[in-house]
Amino acid sequence: MKKLFIVLFIVLFVHPSFVYSEDSEKVKSEVLADTGSSWNGQKLPPYNGKNPRIKILKITIPAKAKLPLHKHPVINAGVLLKGELIVHTKKGQELHLKSGEAIVEVVDTWHYGKNPGNEPAEIIVFYAGTENLEVTQKK
């Protein structure tokens, strides 16, 4: 048990490009962008007096993997590039996504995703946050 805790700590806090699902399978999270500036270097205009931070992730969820319960304090949306994904809220709501479909994610709502398919699911997610605010909070 102690070894598992050490491995999880290293993976989650030392190497941010990988996380483990509840099923102990690797979920790959690749940062495609994490910035407060546009492509030409100009700072993005503030939201409600705060400096914006745009983050884009490509997340790969292995077949049959279930993500841990989490929530997002920021607006985010994504497109499932391949596979399928079912998103469940803690209140029992469910959304079934198939390849090519878009999602505008719930905000400040506990939920988890599960890949019911036999192939990895790949999704690109865009987060519209602010500086010093994590885009995902785990329970």
Foldseek 3Di string as FASTA:
>chain_A
DVVVVVVQCCVVPVPPQWHAAPVRDIKGKAKPAWDQADPVRHGDDDDPPFRKIKTKIKIKAFAFTKHAWKFFQFWKKKAWQAAKKWKAFPVGDIDIDHHGDMDGDDHPTIIIMGRNDNGIIIMMMMTIGGPPGDGMDGD
